[in-house]
PDB file of N, CA and C in Angstrom:
ATOM      1  N   MET A   1      23.371  82.011   9.280  1.00  0.00           N
ATOM      2  CA  MET A   1      24.150  82.905   8.440  1.00  0.00           C
ATOM      3  C   MET A   1      23.555  84.313   8.455  1.00  0.00           C
ATOM      4  N   ALA A   2      22.229  84.420   8.335  1.00  0.00           N
ATOM      5  CA  ALA A   2      21.587  85.730   8.353  1.00  0.00           C
ATOM      6  C   ALA A   2      21.761  86.398   9.712  1.00  0.00           C
ATOM      7  N   ARG A   3      21.803  85.606  10.760  1.00  0.00           N
ATOM      8  CA  ARG A   3      21.963  86.154  12.102  1.00  0.00           C
ATOM      9  C   ARG A   3      23.365  86.773  12.258  1.00  0.00           C
ATOM     10  N   ARG A   4      24.371  86.105  11.739  1.00  0.00           N
ATOM     11  CA  ARG A   4      25.734  86.633  11.784  1.00  0.00           C
ATOM     12  C   ARG A   4      25.838  87.942  11.002  1.00  0.00           C
ATOM     13  N   PHE A   5      25.174  87.981   9.869  1.00  0.00           N
ATOM     14  CA  PHE A   5      25.190  89.186   9.050  1.00  0.00           C
ATOM     15  C   PHE A   5      24.538  90.360   9.789  1.00  0.00           C
ATOM     16  N   LYS A   6      23.452  90.111  10.509  1.00  0.00           N
ATOM     17  CA  LYS A   6      22.787  91.161  11.296  1.00  0.00           C
ATOM     18  C   LYS A   6      23.729  91.698  12.373  1.00  0.00           C
ATOM     19  N   PHE A   7      24.413  90.783  13.086  1.00  0.00           N
ATOM     20  CA  PHE A   7      25.348  91.223  14.122  1.00  0.00           C
ATOM     21  C   PHE A   7      26.501  92.022  13.524  1.00  0.00           C
ATOM     22  N   PHE A   8      26.962  91.579  12.372  1.00  0.00           N
ATOM     23  CA  PHE A   8      28.029  92.296  11.676  1.00  0.00           C
ATOM     24  C   PHE A   8      27.596  93.718  11.348  1.00  0.00           C
ATOM     25  N   LEU A   9      26.414  93.878  10.778  1.00  0.00           N
ATOM     26  CA  LEU A   9      25.914  95.210  10.425  1.00  0.00           C
ATOM     27  C   LEU A   9      25.648  96.066  11.660  1.00  0.00           C
ATOM     28  N   MET A  10      25.181  95.428  12.758  1.00  0.00           N
ATOM     29  CA  MET A  10      24.916  96.186  13.996  1.00  0.00           C
ATOM     30  C   MET A  10      26.210  96.779  14.561  1.00  0.00           C
ATOM     31  N   GLY A  11      27.334  96.193  14.278  1.00  0.00           N
ATOM     32  CA  GLY A  11      28.601  96.751  14.727  1.00  0.00           C
ATOM     33  C   GLY A  11      29.245  97.659  13.691  1.00  0.00           C
ATOM     34  N   LEU A  12      29.077  97.313  12.421  1.00  0.00           N
ATOM     35  CA  LEU A  12      29.724  98.067  11.354  1.00  0.00           C
ATOM     36  C   LEU A  12      29.142  99.468  11.197  1.00  0.00           C
ATOM     37  N   ILE A  13      27.854  99.590  11.146  1.00  0.00           N
ATOM     38  CA  ILE A  13      27.219 100.894  10.886  1.00  0.00           C
ATOM     39  C   ILE A  13      27.513 101.903  11.984  1.00  0.00           C
ATOM     40  N   PRO A  14      27.298 101.584  13.263  1.00  0.00           N
ATOM     41  CA  PRO A  14      27.660 102.584  14.292  1.00  0.00           C
ATOM     42  C   PRO A  14      29.160 102.891  14.303  1.00  0.00           C
ATOM     43  N   GLY A  15      29.986 101.889  14.016  1.00  0.00           N
ATOM     44  CA  GLY A  15      31.426 102.124  13.974  1.00  0.00           C
ATOM     45  C   GLY A  15      31.810 103.090  12.876  1.00  0.00           C
ATOM     46  N   LEU A  16      31.233 102.929  11.702  1.00  0.00           N
ATOM     47  CA  LEU A  16      31.502 103.856  10.596  1.00  0.00           C
ATOM     48  C   LEU A  16      31.053 105.276  10.937  1.00  0.00           C
ATOM     49  N   LEU A  17      29.878 105.396  11.512  1.00  0.00           N
ATOM     50  CA  LEU A  17      29.376 106.725  11.884  1.00  0.00           C
ATOM     51  C   LEU A  17      30.288 107.385  12.909  1.00  0.00           C
ATOM     52  N   LEU A  18      30.733 106.624  13.876  1.00  0.00           N
ATOM     53  CA  LEU A  18      31.629 107.157  14.899  1.00  0.00           C
ATOM     54  C   LEU A  18      32.947 107.637  14.281  1.00  0.00           C
ATOM     55  N   VAL A  19      33.526 106.852  13.407  1.00  0.00           N
ATOM     56  CA  VAL A  19      34.782 107.231  12.751  1.00  0.00           C
ATOM     57  C   VAL A  19      34.574 108.479  11.897  1.00  0.00           C
ATOM     58  N   LEU A  20      33.470 108.555  11.154  1.00  0.00           N
ATOM     59  CA  LEU A  20      33.206 109.732  10.318  1.00  0.00           C
ATOM     60  C   LEU A  20      33.083 110.998  11.157  1.00  0.00           C
ATOM     61  N   PHE A  21      32.397 110.939  12.296  1.00  0.00           N
ATOM     62  CA  PHE A  21      32.269 112.119  13.155  1.00  0.00           C
ATOM     63  C   PHE A  21      33.623 112.538  13.718  1.00  0.00           C
ATOM     64  N   ILE A  22      34.440 111.596  14.107  1.00  0.00           N
ATOM     65  CA  ILE A  22      35.756 111.922  14.663  1.00  0.00           C
ATOM     66  C   ILE A  22      36.642 112.556  13.591  1.00  0.00           C
ATOM     67  N   LEU A  23      36.667 111.981  12.387  1.00  0.00           N
ATOM     68  CA  LEU A  23      37.511 112.533  11.327  1.00  0.00           C
ATOM     69  C   LEU A  23      37.017 113.895  10.865  1.00  0.00           C
ATOM     70  N   ASN A  24      35.714 114.127  10.829  1.00  0.00           N
ATOM     71  CA  ASN A  24      35.195 115.433  10.421  1.00  0.00           C
ATOM     72  C   ASN A  24      35.589 116.520  11.404  1.00  0.00           C
ATOM     73  N   LYS A  25      35.601 116.215  12.697  1.00  0.00           N
ATOM     74  CA  LYS A  25      35.984 117.221  13.687  1.00  0.00           C
ATOM     75  C   LYS A  25      37.459 117.578  13.574  1.00  0.00           C
ATOM     76  N   LYS A  26      38.285 116.633  13.166  1.00  0.00           N
ATOM     77  CA  LYS A  26      39.715 116.892  13.021  1.00  0.00           C
ATOM     78  C   LYS A  26      40.053 117.539  11.696  1.00  0.00           C
ATOM     79  N   GLY A  27      39.102 117.600  10.787  1.00  0.00           N
ATOM     80  CA  GLY A  27      39.350 118.215   9.485  1.00  0.00           C
ATOM     81  C   GLY A  27      40.156 117.329   8.560  1.00  0.00           C
ATOM     82  N   ALA A  28      40.162 116.042   8.807  1.00  0.00           N
ATOM     83  CA  ALA A  28      40.916 115.125   7.960  1.00  0.00           C
ATOM     84  C   ALA A  28      40.192 114.932   6.635  1.00  0.00           C
ATOM     85  N   SER A  29      40.967 114.715   5.589  1.00  0.00           N
ATOM     86  CA  SER A  29      40.369 114.434   4.290  1.00  0.00           C
ATOM     87  C   SER A  29      41.015 113.188   3.714  1.00  0.00           C
ATOM     88  N   CYS A  30      40.308 112.531   2.855  1.00  0.00           N
ATOM     89  CA  CYS A  30      40.778 111.260   2.307  1.00  0.00           C
ATOM     90  C   CYS A  30      40.908 111.309   0.793  1.00  0.00           C
ATOM     91  N   SER A  31      41.065 112.454   0.217  1.00  0.00           N
ATOM     92  CA  SER A  31      41.108 112.547  -1.231  1.00  0.00           C
ATOM     93  C   SER A  31      42.550 112.427  -1.713  1.00  0.00           C
ATOM     94  N   TYR A  32      42.775 111.461  -2.590  1.00  0.00           N
ATOM     95  CA  TYR A  32      44.111 111.248  -3.120  1.00  0.00           C
ATOM     96  C   TYR A  32      44.183 111.547  -4.611  1.00  0.00           C
ATOM     97  N   PHE A  33      43.230 112.298  -5.115  1.00  0.00           N
ATOM     98  CA  PHE A  33      43.273 112.694  -6.514  1.00  0.00           C
ATOM     99  C   PHE A  33      44.398 113.705  -6.713  1.00  0.00           C
ATOM    100  N   PRO A  34      45.025 113.726  -7.896  1.00  0.00           N
ATOM    101  CA  PRO A  34      46.176 114.628  -8.113  1.00  0.00           C
ATOM    102  C   PRO A  34      45.865 116.099  -7.829  1.00  0.00           C
ATOM    103  N   ASN A  35      44.700 116.581  -8.250  1.00  0.00           N
ATOM    104  CA  ASN A  35      44.341 117.981  -8.021  1.00  0.00           C
ATOM    105  C   ASN A  35      44.316 118.292  -6.523  1.00  0.00           C
ATOM    106  N   ASP A  36      43.697 117.434  -5.744  1.00  0.00           N
ATOM    107  CA  ASP A  36      43.577 117.670  -4.304  1.00  0.00           C
ATOM    108  C   ASP A  36      44.932 117.583  -3.599  1.00  0.00           C
ATOM    109  N   ARG A  37      45.780 116.670  -4.042  1.00  0.00           N
ATOM    110  CA  ARG A  37      47.105 116.553  -3.424  1.00  0.00           C
ATOM    111  C   ARG A  37      47.949 117.790  -3.679  1.00  0.00           C
ATOM    112  N   VAL A  38      47.948 118.291  -4.916  1.00  0.00           N
ATOM    113  CA  VAL A  38      48.745 119.481  -5.245  1.00  0.00           C
ATOM    114  C   VAL A  38      48.249 120.678  -4.440  1.00  0.00           C
ATOM    115  N   ILE A  39      46.942 120.854  -4.362  1.00  0.00           N
ATOM    116  CA  ILE A  39      46.387 121.996  -3.621  1.00  0.00           C
ATOM    117  C   ILE A  39      46.693 121.868  -2.132  1.00  0.00           C
ATOM    118  N   ALA A  40      46.544 120.672  -1.560  1.00  0.00           N
ATOM    119  CA  ALA A  40      46.840 120.483  -0.136  1.00  0.00           C
ATOM    120  C   ALA A  40      48.309 120.751   0.170  1.00  0.00           C
ATOM    121  N   GLU A  41      49.210 120.262  -0.688  1.00  0.00           N
ATOM    122  CA  GLU A  41      50.636 120.523  -0.487  1.00  0.00           C
ATOM    123  C   GLU A  41      50.952 122.001  -0.626  1.00  0.00           C
ATOM    124  N   THR A  42      50.318 122.660  -1.581  1.00  0.00           N
ATOM    125  CA  THR A  42      50.560 124.095  -1.793  1.00  0.00           C
ATOM    126  C   THR A  42      50.095 124.900  -0.582  1.00  0.00           C
ATOM    127  N   LEU A  43      48.932 124.583  -0.061  1.00  0.00           N
ATOM    128  CA  LEU A  43      48.404 125.325   1.089  1.00  0.00           C
ATOM    129  C   LEU A  43      49.214 125.086   2.361  1.00  0.00           C
ATOM    130  N   SER A  44      49.969 123.998   2.418  1.00  0.00           N
ATOM    131  CA  SER A  44      50.767 123.714   3.612  1.00  0.00           C
ATOM    132  C   SER A  44      52.099 124.471   3.623  1.00  0.00           C
ATOM    133  N   LYS A  45      52.440 125.132   2.526  1.00  0.00           N
ATOM    134  CA  LYS A  45      53.715 125.845   2.415  1.00  0.00           C
ATOM    135  C   LYS A  45      53.499 127.349   2.536  1.00  0.00           C
ATOM    136  N   PRO A  46      54.529 128.079   2.957  1.00  0.00           N
ATOM    137  CA  PRO A  46      54.421 129.544   2.942  1.00  0.00           C
ATOM    138  C   PRO A  46      54.381 130.045   1.499  1.00  0.00           C
ATOM    139  N   PHE A  47      53.632 131.109   1.288  1.00  0.00           N
ATOM    140  CA  PHE A  47      53.476 131.677  -0.049  1.00  0.00           C
ATOM    141  C   PHE A  47      54.504 132.774  -0.275  1.00  0.00           C
ATOM    142  N   ALA A  48      55.077 132.796  -1.474  1.00  0.00           N
ATOM    143  CA  ALA A  48      55.964 133.877  -1.912  1.00  0.00           C
ATOM    144  C   ALA A  48      55.376 134.426  -3.208  1.00  0.00           C
ATOM    145  N   TYR A  49      55.432 135.746  -3.377  1.00  0.00           N
ATOM    146  CA  TYR A  49      54.803 136.392  -4.528  1.00  0.00           C
ATOM    147  C   TYR A  49      55.828 137.172  -5.332  1.00  0.00           C
ATOM    148  N   SER A  50      55.713 137.096  -6.655  1.00  0.00           N
ATOM    149  CA  SER A  50      56.543 137.939  -7.508  1.00  0.00           C
ATOM    150  C   SER A  50      55.982 139.363  -7.445  1.00  0.00           C
ATOM    151  N   ALA A  51      56.771 140.337  -7.873  1.00  0.00           N
ATOM    152  CA  ALA A  51      56.318 141.731  -7.868  1.00  0.00           C
ATOM    153  C   ALA A  51      55.107 141.904  -8.779  1.00  0.00           C
ATOM    154  N   ASP A  52      55.127 141.246  -9.926  1.00  0.00           N
ATOM    155  CA  ASP A  52      54.004 141.311 -10.861  1.00  0.00           C
ATOM    156  C   ASP A  52      52.733 140.724 -10.242  1.00  0.00           C
ATOM    157  N   PHE A  53      52.900 139.614  -9.529  1.00  0.00           N
ATOM    158  CA  PHE A  53      51.738 138.966  -8.899  1.00  0.00           C
ATOM    159  C   PHE A  53      51.138 139.871  -7.826  1.00  0.00           C
ATOM    160  N   ARG A  54      51.984 140.482  -7.003  1.00  0.00           N
ATOM    161  CA  ARG A  54      51.483 141.404  -5.961  1.00  0.00           C
ATOM    162  C   ARG A  54      50.735 142.583  -6.579  1.00  0.00           C
ATOM    163  N   ALA A  55      51.289 143.129  -7.668  1.00  0.00           N
ATOM    164  CA  ALA A  55      50.633 144.263  -8.326  1.00  0.00           C
ATOM    165  C   ALA A  55      49.270 143.849  -8.875  1.00  0.00           C
ATOM    166  N   ARG A  56      49.173 142.666  -9.464  1.00  0.00           N
ATOM    167  CA  ARG A  56      47.889 142.182  -9.994  1.00  0.00           C
ATOM    168  C   ARG A  56      46.894 141.908  -8.862  1.00  0.00           C
ATOM    169  N   MET A  57      47.398 141.430  -7.716  1.00  0.00           N
ATOM    170  CA  MET A  57      46.507 141.219  -6.563  1.00  0.00           C
ATOM    171  C   MET A  57      45.895 142.537  -6.117  1.00  0.00           C
ATOM    172  N   GLN A  58      46.705 143.592  -6.091  1.00  0.00           N
ATOM    173  CA  GLN A  58      46.190 144.899  -5.693  1.00  0.00           C
ATOM    174  C   GLN A  58      45.207 145.434  -6.728  1.00  0.00           C
ATOM    175  N   THR A  59      45.524 145.236  -8.012  1.00  0.00           N
ATOM    176  CA  THR A  59      44.644 145.699  -9.083  1.00  0.00           C
ATOM    177  C   THR A  59      43.292 144.998  -9.026  1.00  0.00           C
ATOM    178  N   GLU A  60      43.318 143.683  -8.772  1.00  0.00           N
ATOM    179  CA  GLU A  60      42.093 142.883  -8.726  1.00  0.00           C
ATOM    180  C   GLU A  60      41.431 142.916  -7.349  1.00  0.00           C
ATOM    181  N   ASN A  61      42.063 143.606  -6.396  1.00  0.00           N
ATOM    182  CA  ASN A  61      41.545 143.719  -5.034  1.00  0.00           C
ATOM    183  C   ASN A  61      41.381 142.343  -4.380  1.00  0.00           C
ATOM    184  N   ILE A  62      42.450 141.536  -4.441  1.00  0.00           N
ATOM    185  CA  ILE A  62      42.460 140.203  -3.857  1.00  0.00           C
ATOM    186  C   ILE A  62      43.410 140.217  -2.667  1.00  0.00           C
ATOM    187  N   SER A  63      42.937 139.818  -1.506  1.00  0.00           N
ATOM    188  CA  SER A  63      43.774 139.752  -0.309  1.00  0.00           C
ATOM    189  C   SER A  63      44.478 138.397  -0.258  1.00  0.00           C
ATOM    190  N   GLU A  64      45.504 138.301   0.597  1.00  0.00           N
ATOM    191  CA  GLU A  64      46.213 137.029   0.756  1.00  0.00           C
ATOM    192  C   GLU A  64      45.292 135.959   1.329  1.00  0.00           C
ATOM    193  N   GLU A  65      44.420 136.337   2.250  1.00  0.00           N
ATOM    194  CA  GLU A  65      43.474 135.381   2.833  1.00  0.00           C
ATOM    195  C   GLU A  65      42.501 134.864   1.780  1.00  0.00           C
ATOM    196  N   GLN A  66      42.027 135.764   0.927  1.00  0.00           N
ATOM    197  CA  GLN A  66      41.119 135.355  -0.136  1.00  0.00           C
ATOM    198  C   GLN A  66      41.830 134.436  -1.126  1.00  0.00           C
ATOM    199  N   LEU A  67      43.084 134.727  -1.407  1.00  0.00           N
ATOM    200  CA  LEU A  67      43.861 133.886  -2.315  1.00  0.00           C
ATOM    201  C   LEU A  67      43.979 132.470  -1.750  1.00  0.00           C
ATOM    202  N   LYS A  68      44.351 132.357  -0.470  1.00  0.00           N
ATOM    203  CA  LYS A  68      44.525 131.036   0.143  1.00  0.00           C
ATOM    204  C   LYS A  68      43.198 130.313   0.343  1.00  0.00           C
ATOM    205  N   ASP A  69      42.262 130.978   0.999  1.00  0.00           N
ATOM    206  CA  ASP A  69      41.027 130.316   1.427  1.00  0.00           C
ATOM    207  C   ASP A  69      40.037 130.079   0.306  1.00  0.00           C
ATOM    208  N   GLU A  70      40.047 130.914  -0.688  1.00  0.00           N
ATOM    209  CA  GLU A  70      39.033 130.814  -1.741  1.00  0.00           C
ATOM    210  C   GLU A  70      39.633 130.350  -3.063  1.00  0.00           C
ATOM    211  N   ILE A  71      40.556 131.109  -3.589  1.00  0.00           N
ATOM    212  CA  ILE A  71      41.027 130.859  -4.951  1.00  0.00           C
ATOM    213  C   ILE A  71      41.857 129.576  -5.045  1.00  0.00           C
ATOM    214  N   VAL A  72      42.890 129.447  -4.217  1.00  0.00           N
ATOM    215  CA  VAL A  72      43.724 128.248  -4.292  1.00  0.00           C
ATOM    216  C   VAL A  72      42.966 127.031  -3.766  1.00  0.00           C
ATOM    217  N   ALA A  73      42.291 127.171  -2.636  1.00  0.00           N
ATOM    218  CA  ALA A  73      41.605 126.031  -2.025  1.00  0.00           C
ATOM    219  C   ALA A  73      40.504 125.465  -2.912  1.00  0.00           C
ATOM    220  N   LYS A  74      39.844 126.302  -3.687  1.00  0.00           N
ATOM    221  CA  LYS A  74      38.722 125.834  -4.505  1.00  0.00           C
ATOM    222  C   LYS A  74      39.037 125.846  -5.996  1.00  0.00           C
ATOM    223  N   GLY A  75      40.304 126.041  -6.338  1.00  0.00           N
ATOM    224  CA  GLY A  75      40.700 126.082  -7.737  1.00  0.00           C
ATOM    225  C   GLY A  75      40.893 124.691  -8.316  1.00  0.00           C
ATOM    226  N   LYS A  76      41.145 124.669  -9.607  1.00  0.00           N
ATOM    227  CA  LYS A  76      41.340 123.414 -10.338  1.00  0.00           C
ATOM    228  C   LYS A  76      42.661 123.520 -11.095  1.00  0.00           C
ATOM    229  N   ILE A  77      43.528 122.530 -10.937  1.00  0.00           N
ATOM    230  CA  ILE A  77      44.811 122.499 -11.625  1.00  0.00           C
ATOM    231  C   ILE A  77      44.594 121.992 -13.044  1.00  0.00           C
ATOM    232  N   ASP A  78      45.146 122.708 -14.021  1.00  0.00           N
ATOM    233  CA  ASP A  78      45.113 122.263 -15.413  1.00  0.00           C
ATOM    234  C   ASP A  78      46.431 121.536 -15.680  1.00  0.00           C
ATOM    235  N   PHE A  79      46.399 120.210 -15.578  1.00  0.00           N
ATOM    236  CA  PHE A  79      47.621 119.425 -15.715  1.00  0.00           C
ATOM    237  C   PHE A  79      48.142 119.398 -17.152  1.00  0.00           C
ATOM    238  N   ASP A  80      47.273 119.655 -18.126  1.00  0.00           N
ATOM    239  CA  ASP A  80      47.726 119.681 -19.518  1.00  0.00           C
ATOM    240  C   ASP A  80      48.665 120.854 -19.787  1.00  0.00           C
ATOM    241  N   LYS A  81      48.458 121.960 -19.092  1.00  0.00           N
ATOM    242  CA  LYS A  81      49.289 123.148 -19.295  1.00  0.00           C
ATOM    243  C   LYS A  81      50.283 123.363 -18.159  1.00  0.00           C
ATOM    244  N   SER A  82      50.383 122.404 -17.259  1.00  0.00           N
ATOM    245  CA  SER A  82      51.322 122.485 -16.144  1.00  0.00           C
ATOM    246  C   SER A  82      52.564 121.666 -16.455  1.00  0.00           C
ATOM    247  N   GLU A  83      53.618 121.936 -15.709  1.00  0.00           N
ATOM    248  CA  GLU A  83      54.870 121.195 -15.837  1.00  0.00           C
ATOM    249  C   GLU A  83      55.121 120.470 -14.516  1.00  0.00           C
ATOM    250  N   ALA A  84      54.366 119.396 -14.299  1.00  0.00           N
ATOM    251  CA  ALA A  84      54.390 118.699 -13.009  1.00  0.00           C
ATOM    252  C   ALA A  84      55.688 117.946 -12.755  1.00  0.00           C
ATOM    253  N   ARG A  85      56.431 117.614 -13.786  1.00  0.00           N
ATOM    254  CA  ARG A  85      57.680 116.863 -13.615  1.00  0.00           C
ATOM    255  C   ARG A  85      58.921 117.764 -13.688  1.00  0.00           C
ATOM    256  N   ARG A  86      58.725 119.050 -13.719  1.00  0.00           N
ATOM    257  CA  ARG A  86      59.834 120.000 -13.804  1.00  0.00           C
ATOM    258  C   ARG A  86      60.667 119.952 -12.523  1.00  0.00           C
ATOM    259  N   GLU A  87      61.962 120.025 -12.673  1.00  0.00           N
ATOM    260  CA  GLU A  87      62.876 120.017 -11.526  1.00  0.00           C
ATOM    261  C   GLU A  87      63.506 121.386 -11.364  1.00  0.00           C
ATOM    262  N   PRO A  88      63.783 121.880 -10.221  1.00  0.00           N
ATOM    263  CA  PRO A  88      63.504 121.336  -8.904  1.00  0.00           C
ATOM    264  C   PRO A  88      62.099 121.676  -8.405  1.00  0.00           C
ATOM    265  N   CYS A  89      61.427 122.626  -9.065  1.00  0.00           N
ATOM    266  CA  CYS A  89      60.103 123.055  -8.619  1.00  0.00           C
ATOM    267  C   CYS A  89      59.078 122.846  -9.730  1.00  0.00           C
ATOM    268  N   PRO A  90      58.125 121.950  -9.535  1.00  0.00           N
ATOM    269  CA  PRO A  90      57.062 121.794 -10.535  1.00  0.00           C
ATOM    270  C   PRO A  90      56.273 123.089 -10.692  1.00  0.00           C
ATOM    271  N   ARG A  91      55.822 123.360 -11.899  1.00  0.00           N
ATOM    272  CA  ARG A  91      55.072 124.583 -12.206  1.00  0.00           C
ATOM    273  C   ARG A  91      53.654 124.196 -12.603  1.00  0.00           C
ATOM    274  N   TYR A  92      52.667 124.853 -11.996  1.00  0.00           N
ATOM    275  CA  TYR A  92      51.269 124.500 -12.212  1.00  0.00           C
ATOM    276  C   TYR A  92      50.456 125.706 -12.676  1.00  0.00           C
ATOM    277  N   LEU A  93      49.394 125.402 -13.409  1.00  0.00           N
ATOM    278  CA  LEU A  93      48.400 126.399 -13.795  1.00  0.00           C
ATOM    279  C   LEU A  93      47.127 126.082 -13.031  1.00  0.00           C
ATOM    280  N   LEU A  94      46.677 127.030 -12.225  1.00  0.00           N
ATOM    281  CA  LEU A  94      45.458 126.883 -11.443  1.00  0.00           C
ATOM    282  C   LEU A  94      44.396 127.795 -12.024  1.00  0.00           C
ATOM    283  N   ARG A  95      43.206 127.265 -12.190  1.00  0.00           N
ATOM    284  CA  ARG A  95      42.076 128.066 -12.676  1.00  0.00           C
ATOM    285  C   ARG A  95      41.007 128.118 -11.600  1.00  0.00           C
ATOM    286  N   TYR A  96      40.443 129.315 -11.414  1.00  0.00           N
ATOM    287  CA  TYR A  96      39.396 129.503 -10.413  1.00  0.00           C
ATOM    288  C   TYR A  96      38.277 130.329 -11.009  1.00  0.00           C
ATOM    289  N   PRO A  97      37.031 129.979 -10.751  1.00  0.00           N
ATOM    290  CA  PRO A  97      36.519 128.721 -10.216  1.00  0.00           C
ATOM    291  C   PRO A  97      36.634 127.601 -11.238  1.00  0.00           C
ATOM    292  N   ALA A  98      36.359 126.386 -10.795  1.00  0.00           N
ATOM    293  CA  ALA A  98      36.527 125.221 -11.669  1.00  0.00           C
ATOM    294  C   ALA A  98      35.597 125.304 -12.886  1.00  0.00           C
ATOM    295  N   GLN A  99      34.372 125.721 -12.676  1.00  0.00           N
ATOM    296  CA  GLN A  99      33.421 125.909 -13.781  1.00  0.00           C
ATOM    297  C   GLN A  99      33.497 127.357 -14.228  1.00  0.00           C
ATOM    298  N   SER A 100      33.609 127.597 -15.495  1.00  0.00           N
ATOM    299  CA  SER A 100      33.743 128.928 -16.104  1.00  0.00           C
ATOM    300  C   SER A 100      34.762 129.798 -15.346  1.00  0.00           C
ATOM    301  N   PRO A 101      36.056 129.482 -15.478  1.00  0.00           N
ATOM    302  CA  PRO A 101      37.097 130.171 -14.713  1.00  0.00           C
ATOM    303  C   PRO A 101      37.161 131.679 -14.989  1.00  0.00           C
ATOM    304  N   GLN A 102      37.495 132.424 -13.928  1.00  0.00           N
ATOM    305  CA  GLN A 102      37.690 133.867 -14.025  1.00  0.00           C
ATOM    306  C   GLN A 102      39.162 134.247 -13.888  1.00  0.00           C
ATOM    307  N   TYR A 103      39.941 133.398 -13.198  1.00  0.00           N
ATOM    308  CA  TYR A 103      41.355 133.690 -12.966  1.00  0.00           C
ATOM    309  C   TYR A 103      42.215 132.506 -13.384  1.00  0.00           C
ATOM    310  N   GLU A 104      43.416 132.829 -13.871  1.00  0.00           N
ATOM    311  CA  GLU A 104      44.464 131.843 -14.125  1.00  0.00           C
ATOM    312  C   GLU A 104      45.684 132.243 -13.316  1.00  0.00           C
ATOM    313  N   ILE A 105      46.246 131.298 -12.593  1.00  0.00           N
ATOM    314  CA  ILE A 105      47.409 131.573 -11.757  1.00  0.00           C
ATOM    315  C   ILE A 105      48.488 130.547 -12.079  1.00  0.00           C
ATOM    316  N   PHE A 106      49.687 131.029 -12.391  1.00  0.00           N
ATOM    317  CA  PHE A 106      50.842 130.157 -12.539  1.00  0.00           C
ATOM    318  C   PHE A 106      51.642 130.238 -11.245  1.00  0.00           C
ATOM    319  N   PHE A 107      52.004 129.067 -10.703  1.00  0.00           N
ATOM    320  CA  PHE A 107      52.820 129.048  -9.494  1.00  0.00           C
ATOM    321  C   PHE A 107      53.749 127.847  -9.522  1.00  0.00           C
ATOM    322  N   GLU A 108      54.835 127.958  -8.749  1.00  0.00           N
ATOM    323  CA  GLU A 108      55.786 126.871  -8.576  1.00  0.00           C
ATOM    324  C   GLU A 108      55.643 126.337  -7.165  1.00  0.00           C
ATOM    325  N   LYS A 109      55.625 125.027  -7.045  1.00  0.00           N
ATOM    326  CA  LYS A 109      55.523 124.384  -5.724  1.00  0.00           C
ATOM    327  C   LYS A 109      56.880 123.776  -5.395  1.00  0.00           C
ATOM    328  N   CYS A 110      57.667 124.530  -4.647  1.00  0.00           N
ATOM    329  CA  CYS A 110      58.996 124.068  -4.256  1.00  0.00           C
ATOM    330  C   CYS A 110      58.911 123.362  -2.900  1.00  0.00           C
ATOM    331  N   LYS A 111      60.054 122.828  -2.435  1.00  0.00           N
ATOM    332  CA  LYS A 111      60.056 122.110  -1.160  1.00  0.00           C
ATOM    333  C   LYS A 111      59.774 123.035   0.016  1.00  0.00           C
ATOM    334  N   GLU A 112      60.307 124.249  -0.044  1.00  0.00           N
ATOM    335  CA  GLU A 112      60.182 125.163   1.097  1.00  0.00           C
ATOM    336  C   GLU A 112      58.985 126.102   1.004  1.00  0.00           C
ATOM    337  N   GLN A 113      58.581 126.446  -0.221  1.00  0.00           N
ATOM    338  CA  GLN A 113      57.528 127.452  -0.375  1.00  0.00           C
ATOM    339  C   GLN A 113      56.818 127.292  -1.708  1.00  0.00           C
ATOM    340  N   ALA A 114      55.701 127.989  -1.835  1.00  0.00           N
ATOM    341  CA  ALA A 114      54.962 128.065  -3.100  1.00  0.00           C
ATOM    342  C   ALA A 114      55.186 129.466  -3.655  1.00  0.00           C
ATOM    343  N   LYS A 115      55.750 129.540  -4.867  1.00  0.00           N
ATOM    344  CA  LYS A 115      56.069 130.835  -5.487  1.00  0.00           C
ATOM    345  C   LYS A 115      55.008 131.163  -6.533  1.00  0.00           C
ATOM    346  N   PHE A 116      54.259 132.211  -6.291  1.00  0.00           N
ATOM    347  CA  PHE A 116      53.206 132.626  -7.213  1.00  0.00           C
ATOM    348  C   PHE A 116      53.786 133.631  -8.196  1.00  0.00           C
ATOM    349  N   GLU A 117      53.687 133.296  -9.493  1.00  0.00           N
ATOM    350  CA  GLU A 117      54.367 134.072 -10.534  1.00  0.00           C
ATOM    351  C   GLU A 117      53.454 135.032 -11.268  1.00  0.00           C
ATOM    352  N   SER A 118      52.300 134.542 -11.736  1.00  0.00           N
ATOM    353  CA  SER A 118      51.441 135.420 -12.536  1.00  0.00           C
ATOM    354  C   SER A 118      49.972 135.152 -12.237  1.00  0.00           C
ATOM    355  N   LEU A 119      49.208 136.223 -12.323  1.00  0.00           N
ATOM    356  CA  LEU A 119      47.763 136.199 -12.109  1.00  0.00           C
ATOM    357  C   LEU A 119      47.123 136.891 -13.298  1.00  0.00           C
ATOM    358  N   ARG A 120      46.155 136.210 -13.889  1.00  0.00           N
ATOM    359  CA  ARG A 120      45.503 136.772 -15.070  1.00  0.00           C
ATOM    360  C   ARG A 120      43.995 136.585 -14.955  1.00  0.00           C
ATOM    361  N   ARG A 121      43.268 137.668 -15.234  1.00  0.00           N
ATOM    362  CA  ARG A 121      41.803 137.587 -15.272  1.00  0.00           C
ATOM    363  C   ARG A 121      41.399 137.177 -16.683  1.00  0.00           C
ATOM    364  N   LEU A 122      40.490 136.220 -16.767  1.00  0.00           N
ATOM    365  CA  LEU A 122      40.028 135.733 -18.077  1.00  0.00           C
ATOM    366  C   LEU A 122      38.821 136.501 -18.559  1.00  0.00           C
TER     367      LEU A 122
END
């Protein structure tokens, strides 16, 4: 029995390492938490900005790349203040950074695009 277990581990451990290296190179992620799903879906859509949001981006000196790569990607959705079941476009409140937030962003995640409505510095 112990011999079978050794053979099992000799195949399992290298196999797991191989799969992890392959998935890391492809950039695959396995997180199915609600926050991660909403952010991943939002980043996969084209962004649309309200006039107020664009003006606040210029005031705060935030570029579109910084918004996508830093603020949205590393933000935290506040589901208590979001309207996740709203039809046709759920409305979310994103706070960045997750610890001691500096920004609050309200956006709608529609089927075709993500509409950013308001940006507020805390």
